[in-house]
Amino acid sequence: MSEKISDLVYVYFNENADQLLNQEGLKNFIRSGLNILNKEWNKIDKWRINKFLYIVRVLHKKSFECLMNLKNKSKICELINLIYFQEVF
């Protein structure tokens, strides 16, 4: 299920994942995911921690895989950096 949720990041890219189709959508998807994970972190019990951390790893991996294929990396990386800074810290 974590893989399916994190695969939604590809909705915002073309089929080769080298062009971002909807920058605002990607920004909102990543921001929402981080926001939800941040809210739920304190409620995680010891039996679900591995599943929780797995979805965090997979979501980050898929997001960065897509970003690595973009042609205009600097602008997108600045945007993602800002999102991580706002949501995590």
C-alpha atoms as a PDB file:
ATOM      1  CA  MET A   1       0.000   0.000   0.000  1.00  0.00           C
ATOM      2  CA  SER A   2       2.898   2.373   0.715  1.00  0.00           C
ATOM      3  CA  GLU A   3       4.181   1.825  -2.809  1.00  0.00           C
ATOM      4  CA  LYS A   4       0.786   2.637  -4.313  1.00  0.00           C
ATOM      5  CA  ILE A   5       0.417   5.814  -2.284  1.00  0.00           C
ATOM      6  CA  SER A   6       3.913   6.993  -3.115  1.00  0.00           C
ATOM      7  CA  ASP A   7       3.412   6.200  -6.815  1.00  0.00           C
ATOM      8  CA  LEU A   8       0.872   9.018  -6.887  1.00  0.00           C
ATOM      9  CA  VAL A   9       3.819  11.391  -7.179  1.00  0.00           C
ATOM     10  CA  TYR A  10       4.126  10.277 -10.817  1.00  0.00           C
ATOM     11  CA  VAL A  11       0.743  11.847 -11.587  1.00  0.00           C
ATOM     12  CA  TYR A  12       2.490  15.217 -11.692  1.00  0.00           C
ATOM     13  CA  PHE A  13       5.058  14.190 -14.324  1.00  0.00           C
ATOM     14  CA  ASN A  14       4.900  13.184 -17.971  1.00  0.00           C
ATOM     15  CA  GLU A  15       5.416   9.527 -18.896  1.00  0.00           C
ATOM     16  CA  ASN A  16       9.227   9.872 -19.003  1.00  0.00           C
ATOM     17  CA  ALA A  17       9.273  11.705 -15.660  1.00  0.00           C
ATOM     18  CA  ASP A  18      11.489  14.376 -17.203  1.00  0.00           C
ATOM     19  CA  GLN A  19       8.950  17.184 -17.254  1.00  0.00           C
ATOM     20  CA  LEU A  20       6.829  18.434 -14.415  1.00  0.00           C
ATOM     21  CA  LEU A  21       3.216  18.812 -15.512  1.00  0.00           C
ATOM     22  CA  ASN A  22       1.751  20.398 -12.417  1.00  0.00           C
ATOM     23  CA  GLN A  23       4.214  22.123 -10.098  1.00  0.00           C
ATOM     24  CA  GLU A  24       1.553  23.345  -7.698  1.00  0.00           C
ATOM     25  CA  GLY A  25       0.027  19.861  -7.464  1.00  0.00           C
ATOM     26  CA  LEU A  26       3.374  18.261  -6.686  1.00  0.00           C
ATOM     27  CA  LYS A  27       4.089  20.891  -4.075  1.00  0.00           C
ATOM     28  CA  ASN A  28       0.714  20.294  -2.409  1.00  0.00           C
ATOM     29  CA  PHE A  29       1.117  16.497  -2.572  1.00  0.00           C
ATOM     30  CA  ILE A  30       4.500  16.546  -0.844  1.00  0.00           C
ATOM     31  CA  ARG A  31       3.416  19.203   1.646  1.00  0.00           C
ATOM     32  CA  SER A  32       0.258  17.264   2.530  1.00  0.00           C
ATOM     33  CA  GLY A  33       2.141  14.006   2.932  1.00  0.00           C
ATOM     34  CA  LEU A  34       4.698  15.577   5.246  1.00  0.00           C
ATOM     35  CA  ASN A  35       2.003  17.391   7.181  1.00  0.00           C
ATOM     36  CA  ILE A  36       0.024  14.186   7.800  1.00  0.00           C
ATOM     37  CA  LEU A  37       3.127  12.248   8.799  1.00  0.00           C
ATOM     38  CA  ASN A  38       4.137  15.058  11.128  1.00  0.00           C
ATOM     39  CA  LYS A  39       0.720  15.098  12.822  1.00  0.00           C
ATOM     40  CA  GLU A  40       0.579  11.328  13.255  1.00  0.00           C
ATOM     41  CA  TRP A  41       4.141  10.835  14.518  1.00  0.00           C
ATOM     42  CA  ASN A  42       3.193  11.261  18.191  1.00  0.00           C
ATOM     43  CA  LYS A  43       0.334   8.763  17.905  1.00  0.00           C
ATOM     44  CA  ILE A  44       2.378   5.880  16.483  1.00  0.00           C
ATOM     45  CA  ASP A  45       2.611   2.824  18.688  1.00  0.00           C
ATOM     46  CA  LYS A  46       5.525   0.410  18.743  1.00  0.00           C
ATOM     47  CA  TRP A  47       3.753  -2.132  16.512  1.00  0.00           C
ATOM     48  CA  ARG A  48       3.211   0.275  13.625  1.00  0.00           C
ATOM     49  CA  ILE A  49       6.469   2.207  13.672  1.00  0.00           C
ATOM     50  CA  ASN A  50       8.087   0.083  10.933  1.00  0.00           C
ATOM     51  CA  LYS A  51       5.138   0.596   8.585  1.00  0.00           C
ATOM     52  CA  PHE A  52       5.150   4.300   9.283  1.00  0.00           C
ATOM     53  CA  LEU A  53       8.869   4.670   8.652  1.00  0.00           C
ATOM     54  CA  TYR A  54       8.574   2.575   5.502  1.00  0.00           C
ATOM     55  CA  ILE A  55       6.022   4.921   3.956  1.00  0.00           C
ATOM     56  CA  VAL A  56       8.252   7.874   4.877  1.00  0.00           C
ATOM     57  CA  ARG A  57      11.221   6.251   3.103  1.00  0.00           C
ATOM     58  CA  VAL A  58       9.231   5.264   0.032  1.00  0.00           C
ATOM     59  CA  LEU A  59       7.567   8.667  -0.311  1.00  0.00           C
ATOM     60  CA  HIS A  60      10.942  10.416  -0.120  1.00  0.00           C
ATOM     61  CA  LYS A  61      12.539   7.966  -2.528  1.00  0.00           C
ATOM     62  CA  LYS A  62       9.849   8.366  -5.195  1.00  0.00           C
ATOM     63  CA  SER A  63       9.834  12.148  -4.854  1.00  0.00           C
ATOM     64  CA  PHE A  64      13.598  12.372  -5.267  1.00  0.00           C
ATOM     65  CA  GLU A  65      13.622   9.885  -8.155  1.00  0.00           C
ATOM     66  CA  CYS A  66      11.228  12.125 -10.054  1.00  0.00           C
ATOM     67  CA  LEU A  67      13.178  15.254  -9.207  1.00  0.00           C
ATOM     68  CA  MET A  68      16.431  13.719 -10.447  1.00  0.00           C
ATOM     69  CA  ASN A  69      14.950  13.334 -13.946  1.00  0.00           C
ATOM     70  CA  LEU A  70      13.830  16.944 -14.296  1.00  0.00           C
ATOM     71  CA  LYS A  71      15.573  19.310 -16.665  1.00  0.00           C
ATOM     72  CA  ASN A  72      15.176  22.416 -14.490  1.00  0.00           C
ATOM     73  CA  LYS A  73      16.445  20.911 -11.254  1.00  0.00           C
ATOM     74  CA  SER A  74      17.551  24.020  -9.417  1.00  0.00           C
ATOM     75  CA  LYS A  75      14.117  25.679  -9.312  1.00  0.00           C
ATOM     76  CA  ILE A  76      12.339  22.498  -8.265  1.00  0.00           C
ATOM     77  CA  CYS A  77      14.978  21.643  -5.652  1.00  0.00           C
ATOM     78  CA  GLU A  78      14.606  25.090  -4.102  1.00  0.00           C
ATOM     79  CA  LEU A  79      10.848  24.558  -3.980  1.00  0.00           C
ATOM     80  CA  ILE A  80      11.131  21.122  -2.366  1.00  0.00           C
ATOM     81  CA  ASN A  81      13.738  22.406   0.079  1.00  0.00           C
ATOM     82  CA  LEU A  82      11.349  25.158   1.130  1.00  0.00           C
ATOM     83  CA  ILE A  83       8.515  22.658   1.605  1.00  0.00           C
ATOM     84  CA  TYR A  84      10.674  20.366   3.755  1.00  0.00           C
ATOM     85  CA  PHE A  85      11.884  23.305   5.810  1.00  0.00           C
ATOM     86  CA  GLN A  86       8.334  24.580   6.416  1.00  0.00           C
ATOM     87  CA  GLU A  87       6.755  21.216   7.200  1.00  0.00           C
ATOM     88  CA  VAL A  88       9.491  19.417   9.104  1.00  0.00           C
ATOM     89  CA  PHE A  89      11.057  22.193  11.141  1.00  0.00           C
END
